[in-house]
Amino acid sequence: MTSARKLTIKGRVQGVYYRDSTKQKALELGLKGWVRNLSNGDVEALIIGDESNINKMIRWAWEGPTLAIVRDVKVEIVDQKEDILTFYVRH
């Protein structure tokens, strides 16, 4: 069963390859969606896939890439209506 979550990641998460690392991890896990920087310094991601891999992605989001300092990961259950075929960085 496919599920969707919106993540808001807070901390030192911009300028540390967080978006590219998120894309790489999501593709590795077979997830779809997107990741983007927000103007307030947070990173936001839409993660679509099976529950098991979404949970792995959420655990990874707390770590992020080596230079990141993650202070919080907010997780929201969302209804995903848009047909997304892969995982990409949104600008």
Protein backbone atom coordinates (compact mmCIF):
# COMPACT_ATOMS: atom_id res chain seq x y z
CA MET A 1 0.00 0.00 0.00
CA THR A 2 1.37 3.38 -1.01
CA SER A 3 1.44 6.14 1.58
CA ALA A 4 2.67 9.73 1.62
CA ARG A 5 4.34 11.89 4.26
CA LYS A 6 5.42 15.50 4.28
CA LEU A 7 8.61 16.09 6.25
CA THR A 8 9.84 19.43 7.53
CA ILE A 9 13.47 19.20 8.61
CA LYS A 10 14.90 21.89 10.89
CA GLY A 11 18.48 22.68 11.85
CA ARG A 12 21.58 23.26 9.76
CA VAL A 13 20.13 21.60 6.69
CA GLN A 14 20.79 24.06 3.86
CA GLY A 15 24.18 24.35 2.18
CA VAL A 16 25.21 20.88 3.40
CA TYR A 17 23.98 18.74 0.46
CA TYR A 18 20.82 17.79 2.33
CA ARG A 19 18.58 17.93 -0.75
CA ASP A 20 20.90 15.92 -2.99
CA SER A 21 21.55 13.36 -0.25
CA THR A 22 17.79 13.06 0.35
CA LYS A 23 17.21 12.41 -3.35
CA GLN A 24 19.95 9.76 -3.42
CA LYS A 25 18.56 7.98 -0.33
CA ALA A 26 14.96 8.14 -1.58
CA LEU A 27 15.91 6.64 -4.96
CA GLU A 28 17.92 3.94 -3.16
CA LEU A 29 14.77 3.06 -1.17
CA GLY A 30 12.50 3.14 -4.24
CA LEU A 31 10.56 6.17 -3.03
CA LYS A 32 8.95 8.94 -5.08
CA GLY A 33 8.39 12.60 -4.29
CA TRP A 34 10.48 15.73 -3.96
CA VAL A 35 12.66 17.79 -1.64
CA ARG A 36 13.17 21.58 -1.53
CA ASN A 37 14.67 24.37 0.55
CA LEU A 38 12.29 26.74 2.32
CA SER A 39 12.99 30.45 2.73
CA ASN A 40 13.17 30.11 6.54
CA GLY A 41 16.16 27.73 6.36
CA ASP A 42 14.20 24.48 6.72
CA VAL A 43 14.03 21.68 4.17
CA GLU A 44 10.67 20.21 3.12
CA ALA A 45 10.14 16.84 1.47
CA LEU A 46 7.22 14.83 0.13
CA ILE A 47 7.91 11.11 0.47
CA ILE A 48 5.71 8.56 -1.35
CA GLY A 49 6.04 4.80 -1.14
CA ASP A 50 5.46 1.82 1.11
CA GLU A 51 5.34 2.34 4.87
CA SER A 52 8.51 0.36 5.59
CA ASN A 53 10.67 2.46 3.27
CA ILE A 54 9.00 5.71 4.33
CA ASN A 55 9.93 4.85 7.93
CA LYS A 56 13.53 4.17 6.85
CA MET A 57 13.59 7.55 5.12
CA ILE A 58 12.24 9.31 8.21
CA ARG A 59 14.95 7.69 10.36
CA TRP A 60 17.57 8.77 7.80
CA ALA A 61 16.16 12.35 7.78
CA TRP A 62 17.15 12.68 11.45
CA GLU A 63 20.78 12.04 10.45
CA GLY A 64 21.03 13.57 6.97
CA PRO A 65 24.39 14.02 5.28
CA THR A 66 27.61 14.35 7.29
CA LEU A 67 27.62 18.17 7.55
CA ALA A 68 23.96 18.49 8.57
CA ILE A 69 22.86 19.19 12.13
CA VAL A 70 19.22 18.10 12.36
CA ARG A 71 17.27 19.56 15.28
CA ASP A 72 13.76 18.36 14.39
CA VAL A 73 11.84 16.38 11.79
CA LYS A 74 8.11 17.11 11.64
CA VAL A 75 6.12 14.34 9.92
CA GLU A 76 2.62 14.84 8.51
CA ILE A 77 0.42 12.22 6.85
CA VAL A 78 -0.80 13.65 3.55
CA ASP A 79 -3.11 12.60 0.73
CA GLN A 80 -1.09 12.49 -2.45
CA LYS A 81 -3.15 13.23 -5.55
CA GLU A 82 -0.35 14.34 -7.89
CA ASP A 83 1.15 11.58 -10.04
CA ILE A 84 4.90 11.68 -9.35
CA LEU A 85 7.04 9.21 -11.25
CA THR A 86 10.41 9.62 -9.48
CA PHE A 87 12.14 11.56 -6.71
CA TYR A 88 13.53 14.99 -7.55
CA VAL A 89 14.89 18.24 -6.12
CA ARG A 90 12.35 21.05 -6.41
CA HIS A 91 13.57 24.61 -6.97
